[in-house]
Structure formats: C-alpha cells, structure tokens
Amino acid sequence: MSEELRLLTTVANEAESEMVIERLSEAGIRSMPHLHPDNVRLGPAAPLDIYVEAKVYEEAREVLDAEVPSDAELDRLSQEAPPPE
C-alpha cells in the first residue's frame, strides 16, 4: 500500500482482525493490520489496528457497518481460529 493510510478500526485480537480483513477483501478493499501500540507483548491476543487507504475509508466504513457480528459470533470465531504458528 503506497497511498496515505487511515485507521479504520481497532479489533480485540488476531482472529477478529482476520475476519475484518476478509470482509474488506471480499468488497475489494485492501487493508493492513498493525499491532496496537499499547499491547505489543500479547501476541495473538493483542489488539490490532486495521488501516485502509484514505481514498477508500468511507467505503470500508460502510462495509464494516453493514453487518456487525454479535459478541457471541466473535467468540465462536475466535474459538474456531487455528492457533498461531
């Protein structure tokens, strides 16, 4: 990504990050996770910031706002996610 980046959202962990990135990818939006600066020592359990190109920020926001998974769904997906390598 060579364009100006904008913070789209912060997610709780790696599993949630993968889910958000997949939703954005399905909509044709490239995104990039980055460890949240306050929690670099937690590994896969650390919060991550998700960045997108500034020019597609509004479109990315609409994709995320269109269908927000419930906490129960996020918990289920986190439990099903493969362990980190």
PDB file of N, CA and C in Angstrom:
ATOM      1  N   MET A   1       0.851  -1.183   0.000  1.00  0.00           N
ATOM      2  CA  MET A   1       0.000   0.000   0.000  1.00  0.00           C
ATOM      3  C   MET A   1       0.887   1.233   0.000  1.00  0.00           C
ATOM      4  N   SER A   2       0.821   1.996  -1.031  1.00  0.00           N
ATOM      5  CA  SER A   2       1.662   3.179  -1.114  1.00  0.00           C
ATOM      6  C   SER A   2       0.882   4.467  -0.883  1.00  0.00           C
ATOM      7  N   GLU A   3      -0.418   4.364  -0.779  1.00  0.00           N
ATOM      8  CA  GLU A   3      -1.258   5.543  -0.554  1.00  0.00           C
ATOM      9  C   GLU A   3      -1.242   5.924   0.922  1.00  0.00           C
ATOM     10  N   GLU A   4      -1.774   7.100   1.218  1.00  0.00           N
ATOM     11  CA  GLU A   4      -1.929   7.532   2.609  1.00  0.00           C
ATOM     12  C   GLU A   4      -2.893   6.577   3.310  1.00  0.00           C
ATOM     13  N   LEU A   5      -2.513   6.120   4.494  1.00  0.00           N
ATOM     14  CA  LEU A   5      -3.336   5.175   5.236  1.00  0.00           C
ATOM     15  C   LEU A   5      -4.152   5.903   6.300  1.00  0.00           C
ATOM     16  N   ARG A   6      -5.291   5.324   6.615  1.00  0.00           N
ATOM     17  CA  ARG A   6      -6.165   5.875   7.648  1.00  0.00           C
ATOM     18  C   ARG A   6      -6.634   4.740   8.540  1.00  0.00           C
ATOM     19  N   LEU A   7      -6.631   4.970   9.840  1.00  0.00           N
ATOM     20  CA  LEU A   7      -7.086   3.972  10.789  1.00  0.00           C
ATOM     21  C   LEU A   7      -8.582   3.762  10.619  1.00  0.00           C
ATOM     22  N   LEU A   8      -8.971   2.533  10.331  1.00  0.00           N
ATOM     23  CA  LEU A   8     -10.380   2.202  10.148  1.00  0.00           C
ATOM     24  C   LEU A   8     -11.008   1.758  11.459  1.00  0.00           C
ATOM     25  N   THR A   9     -10.339   0.852  12.160  1.00  0.00           N
ATOM     26  CA  THR A   9     -10.885   0.318  13.397  1.00  0.00           C
ATOM     27  C   THR A   9      -9.784  -0.356  14.192  1.00  0.00           C
ATOM     28  N   THR A  10     -10.051  -0.609  15.447  1.00  0.00           N
ATOM     29  CA  THR A  10      -9.172  -1.405  16.298  1.00  0.00           C
ATOM     30  C   THR A  10      -9.965  -2.618  16.732  1.00  0.00           C
ATOM     31  N   VAL A  11      -9.376  -3.796  16.568  1.00  0.00           N
ATOM     32  CA  VAL A  11     -10.055  -5.043  16.925  1.00  0.00           C
ATOM     33  C   VAL A  11      -9.364  -5.678  18.124  1.00  0.00           C
ATOM     34  N   ALA A  12     -10.053  -6.611  18.757  1.00  0.00           N
ATOM     35  CA  ALA A  12      -9.590  -7.167  20.019  1.00  0.00           C
ATOM     36  C   ALA A  12      -8.417  -8.134  19.897  1.00  0.00           C
ATOM     37  N   ASN A  13      -8.324  -8.849  18.761  1.00  0.00           N
ATOM     38  CA  ASN A  13      -7.284  -9.878  18.661  1.00  0.00           C
ATOM     39  C   ASN A  13      -7.066 -10.282  17.204  1.00  0.00           C
ATOM     40  N   GLU A  14      -6.152 -11.223  17.007  1.00  0.00           N
ATOM     41  CA  GLU A  14      -5.793 -11.660  15.659  1.00  0.00           C
ATOM     42  C   GLU A  14      -6.965 -12.292  14.921  1.00  0.00           C
ATOM     43  N   ALA A  15      -7.760 -13.096  15.599  1.00  0.00           N
ATOM     44  CA  ALA A  15      -8.905 -13.751  14.949  1.00  0.00           C
ATOM     45  C   ALA A  15      -9.902 -12.717  14.437  1.00  0.00           C
ATOM     46  N   GLU A  16     -10.189 -11.728  15.236  1.00  0.00           N
ATOM     47  CA  GLU A  16     -11.110 -10.674  14.821  1.00  0.00           C
ATOM     48  C   GLU A  16     -10.515  -9.869  13.666  1.00  0.00           C
ATOM     49  N   SER A  17      -9.205  -9.663  13.709  1.00  0.00           N
ATOM     50  CA  SER A  17      -8.520  -8.957  12.630  1.00  0.00           C
ATOM     51  C   SER A  17      -8.682  -9.702  11.311  1.00  0.00           C
ATOM     52  N   GLU A  18      -8.492 -10.999  11.336  1.00  0.00           N
ATOM     53  CA  GLU A  18      -8.627 -11.805  10.125  1.00  0.00           C
ATOM     54  C   GLU A  18     -10.039 -11.726   9.564  1.00  0.00           C
ATOM     55  N   MET A  19     -11.011 -11.696  10.433  1.00  0.00           N
ATOM     56  CA  MET A  19     -12.401 -11.616   9.996  1.00  0.00           C
ATOM     57  C   MET A  19     -12.682 -10.268   9.318  1.00  0.00           C
ATOM     58  N   VAL A  20     -12.208  -9.189   9.904  1.00  0.00           N
ATOM     59  CA  VAL A  20     -12.419  -7.857   9.334  1.00  0.00           C
ATOM     60  C   VAL A  20     -11.692  -7.740   7.997  1.00  0.00           C
ATOM     61  N   ILE A  21     -10.453  -8.200   7.953  1.00  0.00           N
ATOM     62  CA  ILE A  21      -9.674  -8.129   6.718  1.00  0.00           C
ATOM     63  C   ILE A  21     -10.347  -8.933   5.608  1.00  0.00           C
ATOM     64  N   GLU A  22     -10.890 -10.095   5.933  1.00  0.00           N
ATOM     65  CA  GLU A  22     -11.593 -10.914   4.936  1.00  0.00           C
ATOM     66  C   GLU A  22     -12.830 -10.193   4.411  1.00  0.00           C
ATOM     67  N   ARG A  23     -13.608  -9.575   5.289  1.00  0.00           N
ATOM     68  CA  ARG A  23     -14.802  -8.834   4.848  1.00  0.00           C
ATOM     69  C   ARG A  23     -14.428  -7.699   3.914  1.00  0.00           C
ATOM     70  N   LEU A  24     -13.370  -6.993   4.257  1.00  0.00           N
ATOM     71  CA  LEU A  24     -12.918  -5.896   3.406  1.00  0.00           C
ATOM     72  C   LEU A  24     -12.410  -6.426   2.064  1.00  0.00           C
ATOM     73  N   SER A  25     -11.664  -7.506   2.104  1.00  0.00           N
ATOM     74  CA  SER A  25     -11.133  -8.104   0.882  1.00  0.00           C
ATOM     75  C   SER A  25     -12.253  -8.543  -0.052  1.00  0.00           C
ATOM     76  N   GLU A  26     -13.305  -9.130   0.512  1.00  0.00           N
ATOM     77  CA  GLU A  26     -14.451  -9.554  -0.296  1.00  0.00           C
ATOM     78  C   GLU A  26     -15.108  -8.370  -1.000  1.00  0.00           C
ATOM     79  N   ALA A  27     -14.970  -7.188  -0.414  1.00  0.00           N
ATOM     80  CA  ALA A  27     -15.520  -5.966  -1.019  1.00  0.00           C
ATOM     81  C   ALA A  27     -14.492  -5.284  -1.931  1.00  0.00           C
ATOM     82  N   GLY A  28     -13.325  -5.914  -2.119  1.00  0.00           N
ATOM     83  CA  GLY A  28     -12.301  -5.352  -2.985  1.00  0.00           C
ATOM     84  C   GLY A  28     -11.455  -4.276  -2.338  1.00  0.00           C
ATOM     85  N   ILE A  29     -11.443  -4.254  -1.005  1.00  0.00           N
ATOM     86  CA  ILE A  29     -10.698  -3.223  -0.270  1.00  0.00           C
ATOM     87  C   ILE A  29      -9.490  -3.864   0.405  1.00  0.00           C
ATOM     88  N   ARG A  30      -8.326  -3.343   0.083  1.00  0.00           N
ATOM     89  CA  ARG A  30      -7.106  -3.829   0.736  1.00  0.00           C
ATOM     90  C   ARG A  30      -6.979  -3.164   2.110  1.00  0.00           C
ATOM     91  N   SER A  31      -6.491  -3.945   3.062  1.00  0.00           N
ATOM     92  CA  SER A  31      -6.306  -3.416   4.411  1.00  0.00           C
ATOM     93  C   SER A  31      -5.022  -3.985   4.997  1.00  0.00           C
ATOM     94  N   MET A  32      -4.593  -3.371   6.082  1.00  0.00           N
ATOM     95  CA  MET A  32      -3.353  -3.776   6.701  1.00  0.00           C
ATOM     96  C   MET A  32      -3.497  -3.735   8.221  1.00  0.00           C
ATOM     97  N   PRO A  33      -3.260  -4.873   8.886  1.00  0.00           N
ATOM     98  CA  PRO A  33      -3.286  -4.863  10.350  1.00  0.00           C
ATOM     99  C   PRO A  33      -1.950  -4.382  10.904  1.00  0.00           C
ATOM    100  N   HIS A  34      -2.003  -3.782  12.060  1.00  0.00           N
ATOM    101  CA  HIS A  34      -0.783  -3.328  12.732  1.00  0.00           C
ATOM    102  C   HIS A  34      -1.028  -3.468  14.227  1.00  0.00           C
ATOM    103  N   LEU A  35      -0.047  -4.037  14.938  1.00  0.00           N
ATOM    104  CA  LEU A  35      -0.214  -4.192  16.386  1.00  0.00           C
ATOM    105  C   LEU A  35      -0.519  -2.854  17.032  1.00  0.00           C
ATOM    106  N   HIS A  36      -1.530  -2.859  17.877  1.00  0.00           N
ATOM    107  CA  HIS A  36      -1.883  -1.658  18.630  1.00  0.00           C
ATOM    108  C   HIS A  36      -0.697  -1.325  19.541  1.00  0.00           C
ATOM    109  N   PRO A  37      -0.239  -0.094  19.561  1.00  0.00           N
ATOM    110  CA  PRO A  37       0.994   0.232  20.285  1.00  0.00           C
ATOM    111  C   PRO A  37       0.961  -0.030  21.791  1.00  0.00           C
ATOM    112  N   ASP A  38      -0.195  -0.088  22.394  1.00  0.00           N
ATOM    113  CA  ASP A  38      -0.274  -0.296  23.839  1.00  0.00           C
ATOM    114  C   ASP A  38      -0.112  -1.758  24.243  1.00  0.00           C
ATOM    115  N   ASN A  39      -0.180  -2.690  23.290  1.00  0.00           N
ATOM    116  CA  ASN A  39      -0.221  -4.107  23.656  1.00  0.00           C
ATOM    117  C   ASN A  39       0.669  -4.979  22.787  1.00  0.00           C
ATOM    118  N   VAL A  40       1.899  -4.593  22.575  1.00  0.00           N
ATOM    119  CA  VAL A  40       2.772  -5.342  21.683  1.00  0.00           C
ATOM    120  C   VAL A  40       3.246  -6.669  22.268  1.00  0.00           C
ATOM    121  N   ARG A  41       3.065  -6.911  23.542  1.00  0.00           N
ATOM    122  CA  ARG A  41       3.582  -8.130  24.166  1.00  0.00           C
ATOM    123  C   ARG A  41       2.560  -9.254  24.275  1.00  0.00           C
ATOM    124  N   LEU A  42       1.363  -9.055  23.819  1.00  0.00           N
ATOM    125  CA  LEU A  42       0.317 -10.068  23.997  1.00  0.00           C
ATOM    126  C   LEU A  42       0.213 -11.054  22.844  1.00  0.00           C
ATOM    127  N   GLY A  43       0.987 -10.906  21.803  1.00  0.00           N
ATOM    128  CA  GLY A  43       0.948 -11.835  20.671  1.00  0.00           C
ATOM    129  C   GLY A  43      -0.421 -11.860  20.010  1.00  0.00           C
ATOM    130  N   PRO A  44      -0.948 -13.080  19.705  1.00  0.00           N
ATOM    131  CA  PRO A  44      -2.236 -13.198  19.012  1.00  0.00           C
ATOM    132  C   PRO A  44      -3.425 -12.637  19.798  1.00  0.00           C
ATOM    133  N   ALA A  45      -3.250 -12.443  21.089  1.00  0.00           N
ATOM    134  CA  ALA A  45      -4.333 -11.903  21.913  1.00  0.00           C
ATOM    135  C   ALA A  45      -4.309 -10.385  21.978  1.00  0.00           C
ATOM    136  N   ALA A  46      -3.349  -9.780  21.306  1.00  0.00           N
ATOM    137  CA  ALA A  46      -3.199  -8.316  21.355  1.00  0.00           C
ATOM    138  C   ALA A  46      -4.164  -7.626  20.409  1.00  0.00           C
ATOM    139  N   PRO A  47      -4.645  -6.460  20.795  1.00  0.00           N
ATOM    140  CA  PRO A  47      -5.459  -5.663  19.883  1.00  0.00           C
ATOM    141  C   PRO A  47      -4.645  -5.260  18.654  1.00  0.00           C
ATOM    142  N   LEU A  48      -5.339  -5.135  17.528  1.00  0.00           N
ATOM    143  CA  LEU A  48      -4.703  -4.700  16.289  1.00  0.00           C
ATOM    144  C   LEU A  48      -5.475  -3.541  15.697  1.00  0.00           C
ATOM    145  N   ASP A  49      -4.750  -2.615  15.105  1.00  0.00           N
ATOM    146  CA  ASP A  49      -5.357  -1.524  14.352  1.00  0.00           C
ATOM    147  C   ASP A  49      -5.450  -1.981  12.905  1.00  0.00           C
ATOM    148  N   ILE A  50      -6.571  -1.703  12.251  1.00  0.00           N
ATOM    149  CA  ILE A  50      -6.754  -2.043  10.847  1.00  0.00           C
ATOM    150  C   ILE A  50      -6.746  -0.739  10.053  1.00  0.00           C
ATOM    151  N   TYR A  51      -5.823  -0.652   9.093  1.00  0.00           N
ATOM    152  CA  TYR A  51      -5.681   0.534   8.258  1.00  0.00           C
ATOM    153  C   TYR A  51      -6.137   0.245   6.835  1.00  0.00           C
ATOM    154  N   VAL A  52      -6.687   1.261   6.196  1.00  0.00           N
ATOM    155  CA  VAL A  52      -7.050   1.207   4.778  1.00  0.00           C
ATOM    156  C   VAL A  52      -6.530   2.475   4.116  1.00  0.00           C
ATOM    157  N   GLU A  53      -6.486   2.454   2.783  1.00  0.00           N
ATOM    158  CA  GLU A  53      -6.104   3.664   2.072  1.00  0.00           C
ATOM    159  C   GLU A  53      -7.153   4.736   2.344  1.00  0.00           C
ATOM    160  N   ALA A  54      -6.694   5.954   2.538  1.00  0.00           N
ATOM    161  CA  ALA A  54      -7.603   7.060   2.878  1.00  0.00           C
ATOM    162  C   ALA A  54      -8.703   7.239   1.838  1.00  0.00           C
ATOM    163  N   LYS A  55      -8.378   7.007   0.561  1.00  0.00           N
ATOM    164  CA  LYS A  55      -9.365   7.227  -0.503  1.00  0.00           C
ATOM    165  C   LYS A  55     -10.525   6.236  -0.458  1.00  0.00           C
ATOM    166  N   VAL A  56     -10.369   5.099   0.245  1.00  0.00           N
ATOM    167  CA  VAL A  56     -11.470   4.116   0.325  1.00  0.00           C
ATOM    168  C   VAL A  56     -12.013   4.004   1.753  1.00  0.00           C
ATOM    169  N   TYR A  57     -11.633   4.952   2.601  1.00  0.00           N
ATOM    170  CA  TYR A  57     -12.062   4.888   4.011  1.00  0.00           C
ATOM    171  C   TYR A  57     -13.581   4.817   4.148  1.00  0.00           C
ATOM    172  N   GLU A  58     -14.302   5.701   3.485  1.00  0.00           N
ATOM    173  CA  GLU A  58     -15.765   5.740   3.626  1.00  0.00           C
ATOM    174  C   GLU A  58     -16.393   4.432   3.150  1.00  0.00           C
ATOM    175  N   GLU A  59     -15.916   3.905   2.038  1.00  0.00           N
ATOM    176  CA  GLU A  59     -16.424   2.627   1.530  1.00  0.00           C
ATOM    177  C   GLU A  59     -16.132   1.501   2.527  1.00  0.00           C
ATOM    178  N   ALA A  60     -14.936   1.497   3.085  1.00  0.00           N
ATOM    179  CA  ALA A  60     -14.567   0.475   4.072  1.00  0.00           C
ATOM    180  C   ALA A  60     -15.435   0.593   5.317  1.00  0.00           C
ATOM    181  N   ARG A  61     -15.706   1.814   5.741  1.00  0.00           N
ATOM    182  CA  ARG A  61     -16.565   2.037   6.911  1.00  0.00           C
ATOM    183  C   ARG A  61     -17.962   1.467   6.663  1.00  0.00           C
ATOM    184  N   GLU A  62     -18.487   1.672   5.449  1.00  0.00           N
ATOM    185  CA  GLU A  62     -19.802   1.136   5.098  1.00  0.00           C
ATOM    186  C   GLU A  62     -19.803  -0.388   5.126  1.00  0.00           C
ATOM    187  N   VAL A  63     -18.734  -1.000   4.646  1.00  0.00           N
ATOM    188  CA  VAL A  63     -18.637  -2.468   4.657  1.00  0.00           C
ATOM    189  C   VAL A  63     -18.692  -2.976   6.097  1.00  0.00           C
ATOM    190  N   LEU A  64     -17.935  -2.353   6.977  1.00  0.00           N
ATOM    191  CA  LEU A  64     -17.928  -2.804   8.370  1.00  0.00           C
ATOM    192  C   LEU A  64     -19.240  -2.522   9.075  1.00  0.00           C
ATOM    193  N   ASP A  65     -19.857  -1.407   8.764  1.00  0.00           N
ATOM    194  CA  ASP A  65     -21.107  -1.044   9.429  1.00  0.00           C
ATOM    195  C   ASP A  65     -22.302  -1.847   8.913  1.00  0.00           C
ATOM    196  N   ALA A  66     -22.167  -2.438   7.732  1.00  0.00           N
ATOM    197  CA  ALA A  66     -23.288  -3.139   7.101  1.00  0.00           C
ATOM    198  C   ALA A  66     -23.728  -4.362   7.900  1.00  0.00           C
ATOM    199  N   GLU A  67     -22.792  -5.065   8.452  1.00  0.00           N
ATOM    200  CA  GLU A  67     -23.139  -6.283   9.181  1.00  0.00           C
ATOM    201  C   GLU A  67     -22.153  -6.461  10.317  1.00  0.00           C
ATOM    202  N   VAL A  68     -22.560  -6.075  11.491  1.00  0.00           N
ATOM    203  CA  VAL A  68     -21.688  -6.186  12.651  1.00  0.00           C
ATOM    204  C   VAL A  68     -21.988  -7.509  13.355  1.00  0.00           C
ATOM    205  N   PRO A  69     -20.998  -8.401  13.441  1.00  0.00           N
ATOM    206  CA  PRO A  69     -21.244  -9.678  14.114  1.00  0.00           C
ATOM    207  C   PRO A  69     -21.467  -9.470  15.613  1.00  0.00           C
ATOM    208  N   SER A  70     -22.267 -10.325  16.172  1.00  0.00           N
ATOM    209  CA  SER A  70     -22.535 -10.245  17.609  1.00  0.00           C
ATOM    210  C   SER A  70     -21.306 -10.683  18.386  1.00  0.00           C
ATOM    211  N   ASP A  71     -21.289 -10.366  19.685  1.00  0.00           N
ATOM    212  CA  ASP A  71     -20.183 -10.808  20.537  1.00  0.00           C
ATOM    213  C   ASP A  71     -20.110 -12.329  20.568  1.00  0.00           C
ATOM    214  N   ALA A  72     -21.251 -12.985  20.565  1.00  0.00           N
ATOM    215  CA  ALA A  72     -21.280 -14.446  20.571  1.00  0.00           C
ATOM    216  C   ALA A  72     -20.640 -15.001  19.300  1.00  0.00           C
ATOM    217  N   GLU A  73     -20.934 -14.373  18.148  1.00  0.00           N
ATOM    218  CA  GLU A  73     -20.340 -14.809  16.886  1.00  0.00           C
ATOM    219  C   GLU A  73     -18.832 -14.591  16.902  1.00  0.00           C
ATOM    220  N   LEU A  74     -18.390 -13.465  17.423  1.00  0.00           N
ATOM    221  CA  LEU A  74     -16.958 -13.203  17.517  1.00  0.00           C
ATOM    222  C   LEU A  74     -16.276 -14.214  18.436  1.00  0.00           C
ATOM    223  N   ASP A  75     -16.905 -14.537  19.557  1.00  0.00           N
ATOM    224  CA  ASP A  75     -16.349 -15.534  20.471  1.00  0.00           C
ATOM    225  C   ASP A  75     -16.233 -16.888  19.783  1.00  0.00           C
ATOM    226  N   ARG A  76     -17.268 -17.284  19.040  1.00  0.00           N
ATOM    227  CA  ARG A  76     -17.258 -18.568  18.341  1.00  0.00           C
ATOM    228  C   ARG A  76     -16.131 -18.599  17.317  1.00  0.00           C
ATOM    229  N   LEU A  77     -15.995 -17.539  16.537  1.00  0.00           N
ATOM    230  CA  LEU A  77     -14.949 -17.484  15.523  1.00  0.00           C
ATOM    231  C   LEU A  77     -13.555 -17.492  16.148  1.00  0.00           C
ATOM    232  N   SER A  78     -13.413 -16.838  17.284  1.00  0.00           N
ATOM    233  CA  SER A  78     -12.123 -16.837  17.975  1.00  0.00           C
ATOM    234  C   SER A  78     -11.759 -18.243  18.441  1.00  0.00           C
ATOM    235  N   GLN A  79     -12.746 -18.972  18.928  1.00  0.00           N
ATOM    236  CA  GLN A  79     -12.512 -20.339  19.393  1.00  0.00           C
ATOM    237  C   GLN A  79     -12.169 -21.264  18.235  1.00  0.00           C
ATOM    238  N   GLU A  80     -12.732 -21.020  17.056  1.00  0.00           N
ATOM    239  CA  GLU A  80     -12.502 -21.879  15.902  1.00  0.00           C
ATOM    240  C   GLU A  80     -11.222 -21.542  15.147  1.00  0.00           C
ATOM    241  N   ALA A  81     -10.662 -20.389  15.399  1.00  0.00           N
ATOM    242  CA  ALA A  81      -9.471 -19.955  14.661  1.00  0.00           C
ATOM    243  C   ALA A  81      -8.296 -20.876  14.978  1.00  0.00           C
ATOM    244  N   PRO A  82      -7.495 -21.193  13.975  1.00  0.00           N
ATOM    245  CA  PRO A  82      -6.333 -22.051  14.227  1.00  0.00           C
ATOM    246  C   PRO A  82      -5.322 -21.331  15.107  1.00  0.00           C
ATOM    247  N   PRO A  83      -4.559 -22.083  15.883  1.00  0.00           N
ATOM    248  CA  PRO A  83      -3.555 -21.439  16.728  1.00  0.00           C
ATOM    249  C   PRO A  83      -2.483 -20.783  15.867  1.00  0.00           C
ATOM    250  N   PRO A  84      -1.875 -19.730  16.362  1.00  0.00           N
ATOM    251  CA  PRO A  84      -0.827 -19.038  15.597  1.00  0.00           C
ATOM    252  C   PRO A  84       0.383 -19.943  15.430  1.00  0.00           C
ATOM    253  N   GLU A  85       1.104 -19.700  14.370  1.00  0.00           N
ATOM    254  CA  GLU A  85       2.302 -20.513  14.093  1.00  0.00           C
ATOM    255  C   GLU A  85       3.498 -19.963  14.798  1.00  0.00           C
TER     256      GLU A  85
END
